[in-house]
Amino acid sequence: MNTITDLSSLRDALRVFCKERDWHRYHTPKNLVMALSVEASELVEHFQWATPDESQSLLPEKRAEVADEIADVLIYLTELADVLGIDPIVAARAKIAKNAIKYPPPHNPPFPKA
């Protein structure tokens, strides 16, 4: 597999990976969003009963498991965007702009506590 360095090269690698296995027929938006939901839930499981401190200092084995779940979420999200013809970077940029309008910074932010 080629070197994956950004979302475009990830998308391209996933296209090849799926084509080699003839998985495209299964990768409908419905199936991909369902798989994405399952993988996101598996990611949630790693943090479900963790304290805030525990969630911020994962042991190496747990961190590797979380990394696998993050990869699964990213892979399915990338494939879903590809199937729907949505550029996720363009979509994220537009959403950040909408959120900046919806949630403007406060005019008088509080001073940090000393």
PDB file of N, CA and C in Angstrom:
ATOM      1  N   MET A   1       0.849  -1.171   0.000  1.00  0.00           N
ATOM      2  CA  MET A   1       0.000   0.000   0.000  1.00  0.00           C
ATOM      3  C   MET A   1       0.898   1.239   0.000  1.00  0.00           C
ATOM      4  N   ASN A   2       0.493   2.237  -0.761  1.00  0.00           N
ATOM      5  CA  ASN A   2       1.262   3.476  -0.846  1.00  0.00           C
ATOM      6  C   ASN A   2       1.317   4.174   0.503  1.00  0.00           C
ATOM      7  N   THR A   3       2.227   5.090   0.613  1.00  0.00           N
ATOM      8  CA  THR A   3       2.334   5.873   1.832  1.00  0.00           C
ATOM      9  C   THR A   3       1.097   6.746   1.980  1.00  0.00           C
ATOM     10  N   ILE A   4       0.505   6.689   3.149  1.00  0.00           N
ATOM     11  CA  ILE A   4      -0.682   7.488   3.440  1.00  0.00           C
ATOM     12  C   ILE A   4      -0.236   8.660   4.289  1.00  0.00           C
ATOM     13  N   THR A   5      -0.383   9.871   3.731  1.00  0.00           N
ATOM     14  CA  THR A   5       0.099  11.071   4.424  1.00  0.00           C
ATOM     15  C   THR A   5      -0.989  12.114   4.660  1.00  0.00           C
ATOM     16  N   ASP A   6      -2.142  11.961   4.022  1.00  0.00           N
ATOM     17  CA  ASP A   6      -3.224  12.935   4.174  1.00  0.00           C
ATOM     18  C   ASP A   6      -4.538  12.251   3.824  1.00  0.00           C
ATOM     19  N   LEU A   7      -5.635  12.986   3.906  1.00  0.00           N
ATOM     20  CA  LEU A   7      -6.948  12.370   3.637  1.00  0.00           C
ATOM     21  C   LEU A   7      -7.094  11.896   2.195  1.00  0.00           C
ATOM     22  N   SER A   8      -6.505  12.611   1.253  1.00  0.00           N
ATOM     23  CA  SER A   8      -6.609  12.191  -0.149  1.00  0.00           C
ATOM     24  C   SER A   8      -5.894  10.871  -0.381  1.00  0.00           C
ATOM     25  N   SER A   9      -4.696  10.724   0.173  1.00  0.00           N
ATOM     26  CA  SER A   9      -3.972   9.462  -0.025  1.00  0.00           C
ATOM     27  C   SER A   9      -4.631   8.333   0.768  1.00  0.00           C
ATOM     28  N   LEU A  10      -5.256   8.642   1.908  1.00  0.00           N
ATOM     29  CA  LEU A  10      -6.023   7.632   2.638  1.00  0.00           C
ATOM     30  C   LEU A  10      -7.207   7.176   1.794  1.00  0.00           C
ATOM     31  N   ARG A  11      -7.943   8.124   1.244  1.00  0.00           N
ATOM     32  CA  ARG A  11      -9.083   7.798   0.386  1.00  0.00           C
ATOM     33  C   ARG A  11      -8.650   6.921  -0.778  1.00  0.00           C
ATOM     34  N   ASP A  12      -7.556   7.293  -1.433  1.00  0.00           N
ATOM     35  CA  ASP A  12      -7.076   6.532  -2.580  1.00  0.00           C
ATOM     36  C   ASP A  12      -6.656   5.118  -2.180  1.00  0.00           C
ATOM     37  N   ALA A  13      -5.984   4.994  -1.035  1.00  0.00           N
ATOM     38  CA  ALA A  13      -5.576   3.665  -0.561  1.00  0.00           C
ATOM     39  C   ALA A  13      -6.788   2.810  -0.235  1.00  0.00           C
ATOM     40  N   LEU A  14      -7.818   3.417   0.349  1.00  0.00           N
ATOM     41  CA  LEU A  14      -9.034   2.669   0.669  1.00  0.00           C
ATOM     42  C   LEU A  14      -9.769   2.234  -0.592  1.00  0.00           C
ATOM     43  N   ARG A  15      -9.751   3.061  -1.619  1.00  0.00           N
ATOM     44  CA  ARG A  15     -10.366   2.673  -2.898  1.00  0.00           C
ATOM     45  C   ARG A  15      -9.707   1.417  -3.445  1.00  0.00           C
ATOM     46  N   VAL A  16      -8.381   1.386  -3.422  1.00  0.00           N
ATOM     47  CA  VAL A  16      -7.637   0.222  -3.923  1.00  0.00           C
ATOM     48  C   VAL A  16      -7.923  -0.993  -3.043  1.00  0.00           C
ATOM     49  N   PHE A  17      -7.846  -0.821  -1.737  1.00  0.00           N
ATOM     50  CA  PHE A  17      -8.067  -1.903  -0.784  1.00  0.00           C
ATOM     51  C   PHE A  17      -9.442  -2.546  -1.013  1.00  0.00           C
ATOM     52  N   CYS A  18     -10.473  -1.715  -1.140  1.00  0.00           N
ATOM     53  CA  CYS A  18     -11.834  -2.225  -1.334  1.00  0.00           C
ATOM     54  C   CYS A  18     -12.006  -2.867  -2.714  1.00  0.00           C
ATOM     55  N   LYS A  19     -11.406  -2.260  -3.732  1.00  0.00           N
ATOM     56  CA  LYS A  19     -11.516  -2.814  -5.082  1.00  0.00           C
ATOM     57  C   LYS A  19     -10.889  -4.196  -5.152  1.00  0.00           C
ATOM     58  N   GLU A  20      -9.727  -4.377  -4.529  1.00  0.00           N
ATOM     59  CA  GLU A  20      -9.044  -5.670  -4.540  1.00  0.00           C
ATOM     60  C   GLU A  20      -9.873  -6.757  -3.873  1.00  0.00           C
ATOM     61  N   ARG A  21     -10.763  -6.395  -2.996  1.00  0.00           N
ATOM     62  CA  ARG A  21     -11.595  -7.356  -2.268  1.00  0.00           C
ATOM     63  C   ARG A  21     -13.048  -7.369  -2.752  1.00  0.00           C
ATOM     64  N   ASP A  22     -13.338  -6.556  -3.755  1.00  0.00           N
ATOM     65  CA  ASP A  22     -14.690  -6.433  -4.312  1.00  0.00           C
ATOM     66  C   ASP A  22     -15.710  -6.055  -3.231  1.00  0.00           C
ATOM     67  N   TRP A  23     -15.328  -5.112  -2.378  1.00  0.00           N
ATOM     68  CA  TRP A  23     -16.197  -4.684  -1.286  1.00  0.00           C
ATOM     69  C   TRP A  23     -17.069  -3.493  -1.656  1.00  0.00           C
ATOM     70  N   HIS A  24     -16.843  -2.873  -2.797  1.00  0.00           N
ATOM     71  CA  HIS A  24     -17.604  -1.668  -3.140  1.00  0.00           C
ATOM     72  C   HIS A  24     -19.113  -1.906  -3.156  1.00  0.00           C
ATOM     73  N   ARG A  25     -19.504  -3.084  -3.551  1.00  0.00           N
ATOM     74  CA  ARG A  25     -20.951  -3.360  -3.614  1.00  0.00           C
ATOM     75  C   ARG A  25     -21.602  -3.323  -2.235  1.00  0.00           C
ATOM     76  N   TYR A  26     -20.812  -3.525  -1.195  1.00  0.00           N
ATOM     77  CA  TYR A  26     -21.337  -3.478   0.173  1.00  0.00           C
ATOM     78  C   TYR A  26     -21.220  -2.093   0.807  1.00  0.00           C
ATOM     79  N   HIS A  27     -20.413  -1.249   0.211  1.00  0.00           N
ATOM     80  CA  HIS A  27     -20.126   0.043   0.823  1.00  0.00           C
ATOM     81  C   HIS A  27     -21.092   1.128   0.351  1.00  0.00           C
ATOM     82  N   THR A  28     -22.358   0.898   0.664  1.00  0.00           N
ATOM     83  CA  THR A  28     -23.392   1.891   0.406  1.00  0.00           C
ATOM     84  C   THR A  28     -23.383   2.897   1.557  1.00  0.00           C
ATOM     85  N   PRO A  29     -23.930   4.079   1.345  1.00  0.00           N
ATOM     86  CA  PRO A  29     -23.991   5.031   2.464  1.00  0.00           C
ATOM     87  C   PRO A  29     -24.653   4.427   3.708  1.00  0.00           C
ATOM     88  N   LYS A  30     -25.731   3.704   3.534  1.00  0.00           N
ATOM     89  CA  LYS A  30     -26.429   3.082   4.679  1.00  0.00           C
ATOM     90  C   LYS A  30     -25.501   2.145   5.428  1.00  0.00           C
ATOM     91  N   ASN A  31     -24.830   1.257   4.730  1.00  0.00           N
ATOM     92  CA  ASN A  31     -23.951   0.296   5.399  1.00  0.00           C
ATOM     93  C   ASN A  31     -22.746   0.980   6.034  1.00  0.00           C
ATOM     94  N   LEU A  32     -22.194   1.965   5.349  1.00  0.00           N
ATOM     95  CA  LEU A  32     -21.020   2.651   5.895  1.00  0.00           C
ATOM     96  C   LEU A  32     -21.357   3.445   7.147  1.00  0.00           C
ATOM     97  N   VAL A  33     -22.499   4.124   7.146  1.00  0.00           N
ATOM     98  CA  VAL A  33     -22.864   4.904   8.333  1.00  0.00           C
ATOM     99  C   VAL A  33     -23.195   3.970   9.499  1.00  0.00           C
ATOM    100  N   MET A  34     -23.759   2.813   9.219  1.00  0.00           N
ATOM    101  CA  MET A  34     -24.013   1.850  10.288  1.00  0.00           C
ATOM    102  C   MET A  34     -22.693   1.321  10.849  1.00  0.00           C
ATOM    103  N   ALA A  35     -21.750   0.987   9.985  1.00  0.00           N
ATOM    104  CA  ALA A  35     -20.436   0.510  10.436  1.00  0.00           C
ATOM    105  C   ALA A  35     -19.715   1.607  11.219  1.00  0.00           C
ATOM    106  N   LEU A  36     -19.820   2.838  10.760  1.00  0.00           N
ATOM    107  CA  LEU A  36     -19.211   3.974  11.452  1.00  0.00           C
ATOM    108  C   LEU A  36     -19.775   4.101  12.864  1.00  0.00           C
ATOM    109  N   SER A  37     -21.064   3.949  12.997  1.00  0.00           N
ATOM    110  CA  SER A  37     -21.718   4.032  14.294  1.00  0.00           C
ATOM    111  C   SER A  37     -21.221   2.930  15.235  1.00  0.00           C
ATOM    112  N   VAL A  38     -21.080   1.730  14.723  1.00  0.00           N
ATOM    113  CA  VAL A  38     -20.577   0.608  15.527  1.00  0.00           C
ATOM    114  C   VAL A  38     -19.158   0.894  16.005  1.00  0.00           C
ATOM    115  N   GLU A  39     -18.311   1.372  15.097  1.00  0.00           N
ATOM    116  CA  GLU A  39     -16.916   1.649  15.471  1.00  0.00           C
ATOM    117  C   GLU A  39     -16.823   2.799  16.460  1.00  0.00           C
ATOM    118  N   ALA A  40     -17.662   3.814  16.300  1.00  0.00           N
ATOM    119  CA  ALA A  40     -17.677   4.919  17.263  1.00  0.00           C
ATOM    120  C   ALA A  40     -18.105   4.401  18.639  1.00  0.00           C
ATOM    121  N   SER A  41     -19.056   3.493  18.661  1.00  0.00           N
ATOM    122  CA  SER A  41     -19.488   2.900  19.933  1.00  0.00           C
ATOM    123  C   SER A  41     -18.365   2.094  20.571  1.00  0.00           C
ATOM    124  N   GLU A  42     -17.593   1.391  19.761  1.00  0.00           N
ATOM    125  CA  GLU A  42     -16.458   0.634  20.295  1.00  0.00           C
ATOM    126  C   GLU A  42     -15.413   1.583  20.882  1.00  0.00           C
ATOM    127  N   LEU A  43     -15.261   2.742  20.288  1.00  0.00           N
ATOM    128  CA  LEU A  43     -14.351   3.752  20.831  1.00  0.00           C
ATOM    129  C   LEU A  43     -14.882   4.263  22.177  1.00  0.00           C
ATOM    130  N   VAL A  44     -16.178   4.500  22.256  1.00  0.00           N
ATOM    131  CA  VAL A  44     -16.801   4.970  23.497  1.00  0.00           C
ATOM    132  C   VAL A  44     -16.576   3.974  24.622  1.00  0.00           C
ATOM    133  N   GLU A  45     -16.644   2.681  24.317  1.00  0.00           N
ATOM    134  CA  GLU A  45     -16.477   1.652  25.351  1.00  0.00           C
ATOM    135  C   GLU A  45     -15.170   1.805  26.132  1.00  0.00           C
ATOM    136  N   HIS A  46     -14.129   2.263  25.468  1.00  0.00           N
ATOM    137  CA  HIS A  46     -12.831   2.404  26.139  1.00  0.00           C
ATOM    138  C   HIS A  46     -12.834   3.502  27.199  1.00  0.00           C
ATOM    139  N   PHE A  47     -13.788   4.403  27.120  1.00  0.00           N
ATOM    140  CA  PHE A  47     -13.829   5.537  28.044  1.00  0.00           C
ATOM    141  C   PHE A  47     -15.063   5.534  28.948  1.00  0.00           C
ATOM    142  N   GLN A  48     -15.953   4.577  28.733  1.00  0.00           N
ATOM    143  CA  GLN A  48     -17.265   4.596  29.385  1.00  0.00           C
ATOM    144  C   GLN A  48     -17.193   4.796  30.898  1.00  0.00           C
ATOM    145  N   TRP A  49     -16.382   4.079  31.601  1.00  0.00           N
ATOM    146  CA  TRP A  49     -16.345   4.166  33.056  1.00  0.00           C
ATOM    147  C   TRP A  49     -15.055   4.797  33.566  1.00  0.00           C
ATOM    148  N   ALA A  50     -14.289   5.392  32.679  1.00  0.00           N
ATOM    149  CA  ALA A  50     -13.028   6.024  33.093  1.00  0.00           C
ATOM    150  C   ALA A  50     -13.292   7.383  33.730  1.00  0.00           C
ATOM    151  N   THR A  51     -12.463   7.720  34.689  1.00  0.00           N
ATOM    152  CA  THR A  51     -12.515   9.061  35.258  1.00  0.00           C
ATOM    153  C   THR A  51     -11.880  10.008  34.239  1.00  0.00           C
ATOM    154  N   PRO A  52     -12.084  11.310  34.394  1.00  0.00           N
ATOM    155  CA  PRO A  52     -11.415  12.247  33.482  1.00  0.00           C
ATOM    156  C   PRO A  52      -9.895  12.053  33.463  1.00  0.00           C
ATOM    157  N   ASP A  53      -9.300  11.837  34.637  1.00  0.00           N
ATOM    158  CA  ASP A  53      -7.844  11.629  34.685  1.00  0.00           C
ATOM    159  C   ASP A  53      -7.441  10.343  33.965  1.00  0.00           C
ATOM    160  N   GLU A  54      -8.185   9.271  34.197  1.00  0.00           N
ATOM    161  CA  GLU A  54      -7.881   7.999  33.525  1.00  0.00           C
ATOM    162  C   GLU A  54      -8.001   8.139  32.006  1.00  0.00           C
ATOM    163  N   SER A  55      -8.989   8.899  31.561  1.00  0.00           N
ATOM    164  CA  SER A  55      -9.191   9.044  30.114  1.00  0.00           C
ATOM    165  C   SER A  55      -8.067   9.837  29.452  1.00  0.00           C
ATOM    166  N   GLN A  56      -7.351  10.640  30.254  1.00  0.00           N
ATOM    167  CA  GLN A  56      -6.267  11.455  29.704  1.00  0.00           C
ATOM    168  C   GLN A  56      -4.897  10.809  29.846  1.00  0.00           C
ATOM    169  N   SER A  57      -4.816   9.707  30.570  1.00  0.00           N
ATOM    170  CA  SER A  57      -3.513   9.034  30.723  1.00  0.00           C
ATOM    171  C   SER A  57      -3.695   7.537  30.523  1.00  0.00           C
ATOM    172  N   LEU A  58      -3.843   7.171  29.265  1.00  0.00           N
ATOM    173  CA  LEU A  58      -4.058   5.778  28.907  1.00  0.00           C
ATOM    174  C   LEU A  58      -2.758   4.992  28.998  1.00  0.00           C
ATOM    175  N   LEU A  59      -2.861   3.772  29.492  1.00  0.00           N
ATOM    176  CA  LEU A  59      -1.717   2.870  29.488  1.00  0.00           C
ATOM    177  C   LEU A  59      -1.413   2.492  28.038  1.00  0.00           C
ATOM    178  N   PRO A  60      -0.183   2.117  27.736  1.00  0.00           N
ATOM    179  CA  PRO A  60       0.200   1.833  26.340  1.00  0.00           C
ATOM    180  C   PRO A  60      -0.715   0.834  25.623  1.00  0.00           C
ATOM    181  N   GLU A  61      -1.095  -0.250  26.280  1.00  0.00           N
ATOM    182  CA  GLU A  61      -1.969  -1.247  25.632  1.00  0.00           C
ATOM    183  C   GLU A  61      -3.333  -0.654  25.307  1.00  0.00           C
ATOM    184  N   LYS A  62      -3.900   0.085  26.252  1.00  0.00           N
ATOM    185  CA  LYS A  62      -5.209   0.728  26.047  1.00  0.00           C
ATOM    186  C   LYS A  62      -5.100   1.790  24.954  1.00  0.00           C
ATOM    187  N   ARG A  63      -4.008   2.536  24.961  1.00  0.00           N
ATOM    188  CA  ARG A  63      -3.787   3.565  23.938  1.00  0.00           C
ATOM    189  C   ARG A  63      -3.751   2.933  22.540  1.00  0.00           C
ATOM    190  N   ALA A  64      -3.119   1.779  22.406  1.00  0.00           N
ATOM    191  CA  ALA A  64      -3.065   1.078  21.120  1.00  0.00           C
ATOM    192  C   ALA A  64      -4.457   0.618  20.688  1.00  0.00           C
ATOM    193  N   GLU A  65      -5.258   0.155  21.633  1.00  0.00           N
ATOM    194  CA  GLU A  65      -6.628  -0.262  21.319  1.00  0.00           C
ATOM    195  C   GLU A  65      -7.465   0.939  20.879  1.00  0.00           C
ATOM    196  N   VAL A  66      -7.311   2.050  21.573  1.00  0.00           N
ATOM    197  CA  VAL A  66      -8.025   3.280  21.212  1.00  0.00           C
ATOM    198  C   VAL A  66      -7.586   3.748  19.826  1.00  0.00           C
ATOM    199  N   ALA A  67      -6.294   3.661  19.543  1.00  0.00           N
ATOM    200  CA  ALA A  67      -5.790   4.056  18.222  1.00  0.00           C
ATOM    201  C   ALA A  67      -6.429   3.210  17.124  1.00  0.00           C
ATOM    202  N   ASP A  68      -6.599   1.910  17.359  1.00  0.00           N
ATOM    203  CA  ASP A  68      -7.260   1.044  16.376  1.00  0.00           C
ATOM    204  C   ASP A  68      -8.699   1.480  16.129  1.00  0.00           C
ATOM    205  N   GLU A  69      -9.401   1.839  17.194  1.00  0.00           N
ATOM    206  CA  GLU A  69     -10.799   2.265  17.038  1.00  0.00           C
ATOM    207  C   GLU A  69     -10.881   3.618  16.343  1.00  0.00           C
ATOM    208  N   ILE A  70      -9.971   4.521  16.657  1.00  0.00           N
ATOM    209  CA  ILE A  70      -9.943   5.806  15.955  1.00  0.00           C
ATOM    210  C   ILE A  70      -9.689   5.574  14.468  1.00  0.00           C
ATOM    211  N   ALA A  71      -8.780   4.648  14.156  1.00  0.00           N
ATOM    212  CA  ALA A  71      -8.509   4.323  12.751  1.00  0.00           C
ATOM    213  C   ALA A  71      -9.756   3.778  12.070  1.00  0.00           C
ATOM    214  N   ASP A  72     -10.479   2.885  12.737  1.00  0.00           N
ATOM    215  CA  ASP A  72     -11.708   2.333  12.147  1.00  0.00           C
ATOM    216  C   ASP A  72     -12.718   3.430  11.860  1.00  0.00           C
ATOM    217  N   VAL A  73     -12.893   4.357  12.818  1.00  0.00           N
ATOM    218  CA  VAL A  73     -13.834   5.468  12.631  1.00  0.00           C
ATOM    219  C   VAL A  73     -13.393   6.324  11.444  1.00  0.00           C
ATOM    220  N   LEU A  74     -12.115   6.656  11.393  1.00  0.00           N
ATOM    221  CA  LEU A  74     -11.600   7.489  10.305  1.00  0.00           C
ATOM    222  C   LEU A  74     -11.758   6.790   8.951  1.00  0.00           C
ATOM    223  N   ILE A  75     -11.487   5.509   8.908  1.00  0.00           N
ATOM    224  CA  ILE A  75     -11.608   4.752   7.656  1.00  0.00           C
ATOM    225  C   ILE A  75     -13.046   4.761   7.158  1.00  0.00           C
ATOM    226  N   TYR A  76     -13.998   4.417   8.023  1.00  0.00           N
ATOM    227  CA  TYR A  76     -15.396   4.401   7.580  1.00  0.00           C
ATOM    228  C   TYR A  76     -15.897   5.795   7.235  1.00  0.00           C
ATOM    229  N   LEU A  77     -15.486   6.801   7.981  1.00  0.00           N
ATOM    230  CA  LEU A  77     -15.898   8.168   7.672  1.00  0.00           C
ATOM    231  C   LEU A  77     -15.330   8.619   6.332  1.00  0.00           C
ATOM    232  N   THR A  78     -14.087   8.264   6.070  1.00  0.00           N
ATOM    233  CA  THR A  78     -13.455   8.609   4.797  1.00  0.00           C
ATOM    234  C   THR A  78     -14.163   7.912   3.639  1.00  0.00           C
ATOM    235  N   GLU A  79     -14.487   6.643   3.821  1.00  0.00           N
ATOM    236  CA  GLU A  79     -15.203   5.919   2.768  1.00  0.00           C
ATOM    237  C   GLU A  79     -16.601   6.483   2.548  1.00  0.00           C
ATOM    238  N   LEU A  80     -17.302   6.835   3.621  1.00  0.00           N
ATOM    239  CA  LEU A  80     -18.637   7.421   3.493  1.00  0.00           C
ATOM    240  C   LEU A  80     -18.575   8.728   2.724  1.00  0.00           C
ATOM    241  N   ALA A  81     -17.644   9.588   3.080  1.00  0.00           N
ATOM    242  CA  ALA A  81     -17.492  10.863   2.370  1.00  0.00           C
ATOM    243  C   ALA A  81     -17.183  10.623   0.900  1.00  0.00           C
ATOM    244  N   ASP A  82     -16.339   9.635   0.616  1.00  0.00           N
ATOM    245  CA  ASP A  82     -15.973   9.328  -0.773  1.00  0.00           C
ATOM    246  C   ASP A  82     -17.184   8.857  -1.569  1.00  0.00           C
ATOM    247  N   VAL A  83     -17.947   7.939  -0.996  1.00  0.00           N
ATOM    248  CA  VAL A  83     -19.135   7.406  -1.684  1.00  0.00           C
ATOM    249  C   VAL A  83     -20.152   8.507  -1.958  1.00  0.00           C
ATOM    250  N   LEU A  84     -20.269   9.452  -1.031  1.00  0.00           N
ATOM    251  CA  LEU A  84     -21.237  10.541  -1.190  1.00  0.00           C
ATOM    252  C   LEU A  84     -20.686  11.734  -1.969  1.00  0.00           C
ATOM    253  N   GLY A  85     -19.386  11.691  -2.301  1.00  0.00           N
ATOM    254  CA  GLY A  85     -18.792  12.791  -3.049  1.00  0.00           C
ATOM    255  C   GLY A  85     -18.637  14.050  -2.213  1.00  0.00           C
ATOM    256  N   ILE A  86     -18.372  13.875  -0.932  1.00  0.00           N
ATOM    257  CA  ILE A  86     -18.192  15.008  -0.025  1.00  0.00           C
ATOM    258  C   ILE A  86     -16.718  15.095   0.346  1.00  0.00           C
ATOM    259  N   ASP A  87     -16.140  16.271   0.174  1.00  0.00           N
ATOM    260  CA  ASP A  87     -14.764  16.489   0.602  1.00  0.00           C
ATOM    261  C   ASP A  87     -14.816  16.820   2.094  1.00  0.00           C
ATOM    262  N   PRO A  88     -14.285  15.951   2.964  1.00  0.00           N
ATOM    263  CA  PRO A  88     -14.413  16.189   4.395  1.00  0.00           C
ATOM    264  C   PRO A  88     -13.700  17.455   4.873  1.00  0.00           C
ATOM    265  N   ILE A  89     -12.629  17.854   4.216  1.00  0.00           N
ATOM    266  CA  ILE A  89     -11.930  19.079   4.608  1.00  0.00           C
ATOM    267  C   ILE A  89     -12.786  20.297   4.275  1.00  0.00           C
ATOM    268  N   VAL A  90     -13.380  20.308   3.097  1.00  0.00           N
ATOM    269  CA  VAL A  90     -14.276  21.408   2.707  1.00  0.00           C
ATOM    270  C   VAL A  90     -15.471  21.452   3.657  1.00  0.00           C
ATOM    271  N   ALA A  91     -16.037  20.282   3.967  1.00  0.00           N
ATOM    272  CA  ALA A  91     -17.186  20.222   4.872  1.00  0.00           C
ATOM    273  C   ALA A  91     -16.809  20.718   6.265  1.00  0.00           C
ATOM    274  N   ALA A  92     -15.633  20.315   6.760  1.00  0.00           N
ATOM    275  CA  ALA A  92     -15.194  20.749   8.092  1.00  0.00           C
ATOM    276  C   ALA A  92     -14.944  22.250   8.121  1.00  0.00           C
ATOM    277  N   ARG A  93     -14.328  22.766   7.062  1.00  0.00           N
ATOM    278  CA  ARG A  93     -14.065  24.210   6.994  1.00  0.00           C
ATOM    279  C   ARG A  93     -15.384  24.984   7.039  1.00  0.00           C
ATOM    280  N   ALA A  94     -16.377  24.520   6.284  1.00  0.00           N
ATOM    281  CA  ALA A  94     -17.681  25.193   6.262  1.00  0.00           C
ATOM    282  C   ALA A  94     -18.368  25.102   7.625  1.00  0.00           C
ATOM    283  N   LYS A  95     -18.251  23.952   8.277  1.00  0.00           N
ATOM    284  CA  LYS A  95     -18.892  23.775   9.578  1.00  0.00           C
ATOM    285  C   LYS A  95     -18.232  24.647  10.642  1.00  0.00           C
ATOM    286  N   ILE A  96     -16.903  24.759  10.607  1.00  0.00           N
ATOM    287  CA  ILE A  96     -16.205  25.639  11.553  1.00  0.00           C
ATOM    288  C   ILE A  96     -16.654  27.084  11.356  1.00  0.00           C
ATOM    289  N   ALA A  97     -16.830  27.500  10.102  1.00  0.00           N
ATOM    290  CA  ALA A  97     -17.301  28.869   9.823  1.00  0.00           C
ATOM    291  C   ALA A  97     -18.713  29.067  10.373  1.00  0.00           C
ATOM    292  N   LYS A  98     -19.588  28.080  10.198  1.00  0.00           N
ATOM    293  CA  LYS A  98     -20.946  28.168  10.757  1.00  0.00           C
ATOM    294  C   LYS A  98     -20.901  28.237  12.282  1.00  0.00           C
ATOM    295  N   ASN A  99     -20.046  27.411  12.887  1.00  0.00           N
ATOM    296  CA  ASN A  99     -19.952  27.399  14.349  1.00  0.00           C
ATOM    297  C   ASN A  99     -19.390  28.702  14.891  1.00  0.00           C
ATOM    298  N   ALA A 100     -18.500  29.347  14.134  1.00  0.00           N
ATOM    299  CA  ALA A 100     -17.938  30.629  14.573  1.00  0.00           C
ATOM    300  C   ALA A 100     -19.031  31.689  14.658  1.00  0.00           C
ATOM    301  N   ILE A 101     -19.999  31.619  13.766  1.00  0.00           N
ATOM    302  CA  ILE A 101     -21.126  32.561  13.793  1.00  0.00           C
ATOM    303  C   ILE A 101     -22.088  32.189  14.922  1.00  0.00           C
ATOM    304  N   LYS A 102     -22.355  30.899  15.044  1.00  0.00           N
ATOM    305  CA  LYS A 102     -23.305  30.418  16.043  1.00  0.00           C
ATOM    306  C   LYS A 102     -22.779  30.578  17.469  1.00  0.00           C
ATOM    307  N   TYR A 103     -21.485  30.405  17.640  1.00  0.00           N
ATOM    308  CA  TYR A 103     -20.858  30.468  18.964  1.00  0.00           C
ATOM    309  C   TYR A 103     -19.703  31.468  18.954  1.00  0.00           C
ATOM    310  N   PRO A 104     -20.021  32.765  18.917  1.00  0.00           N
ATOM    311  CA  PRO A 104     -18.937  33.756  18.899  1.00  0.00           C
ATOM    312  C   PRO A 104     -18.203  33.765  20.243  1.00  0.00           C
ATOM    313  N   PRO A 105     -16.937  34.179  20.214  1.00  0.00           N
ATOM    314  CA  PRO A 105     -16.221  34.270  21.491  1.00  0.00           C
ATOM    315  C   PRO A 105     -16.839  35.365  22.347  1.00  0.00           C
ATOM    316  N   PRO A 106     -16.741  35.217  23.667  1.00  0.00           N
ATOM    317  CA  PRO A 106     -17.307  36.265  24.536  1.00  0.00           C
ATOM    318  C   PRO A 106     -16.542  37.572  24.330  1.00  0.00           C
ATOM    319  N   HIS A 107     -17.250  38.675  24.514  1.00  0.00           N
ATOM    320  CA  HIS A 107     -16.629  39.987  24.325  1.00  0.00           C
ATOM    321  C   HIS A 107     -15.640  40.297  25.432  1.00  0.00           C
ATOM    322  N   ASN A 108     -15.952  39.875  26.638  1.00  0.00           N
ATOM    323  CA  ASN A 108     -15.080  40.110  27.776  1.00  0.00           C
ATOM    324  C   ASN A 108     -14.733  38.776  28.416  1.00  0.00           C
ATOM    325  N   PRO A 109     -13.762  38.061  27.844  1.00  0.00           N
ATOM    326  CA  PRO A 109     -13.443  36.757  28.428  1.00  0.00           C
ATOM    327  C   PRO A 109     -12.913  36.918  29.843  1.00  0.00           C
ATOM    328  N   PRO A 110     -13.257  35.977  30.706  1.00  0.00           N
ATOM    329  CA  PRO A 110     -12.765  36.086  32.091  1.00  0.00           C
ATOM    330  C   PRO A 110     -11.236  35.896  32.127  1.00  0.00           C
ATOM    331  N   PHE A 111     -10.628  36.538  33.103  1.00  0.00           N
ATOM    332  CA  PHE A 111      -9.194  36.383  33.263  1.00  0.00           C
ATOM    333  C   PHE A 111      -8.919  35.010  33.870  1.00  0.00           C
ATOM    334  N   PRO A 112      -7.835  34.361  33.441  1.00  0.00           N
ATOM    335  CA  PRO A 112      -7.498  33.071  34.067  1.00  0.00           C
ATOM    336  C   PRO A 112      -7.169  33.268  35.544  1.00  0.00           C
ATOM    337  N   LYS A 113      -7.527  32.282  36.322  1.00  0.00           N
ATOM    338  CA  LYS A 113      -7.229  32.358  37.758  1.00  0.00           C
ATOM    339  C   LYS A 113      -5.736  32.196  37.966  1.00  0.00           C
ATOM    340  N   ALA A 114      -5.216  32.976  38.879  1.00  0.00           N
ATOM    341  CA  ALA A 114      -3.762  32.934  39.165  1.00  0.00           C
ATOM    342  C   ALA A 114      -3.418  31.762  40.034  1.00  0.00           C
TER     343      ALA A 114
END
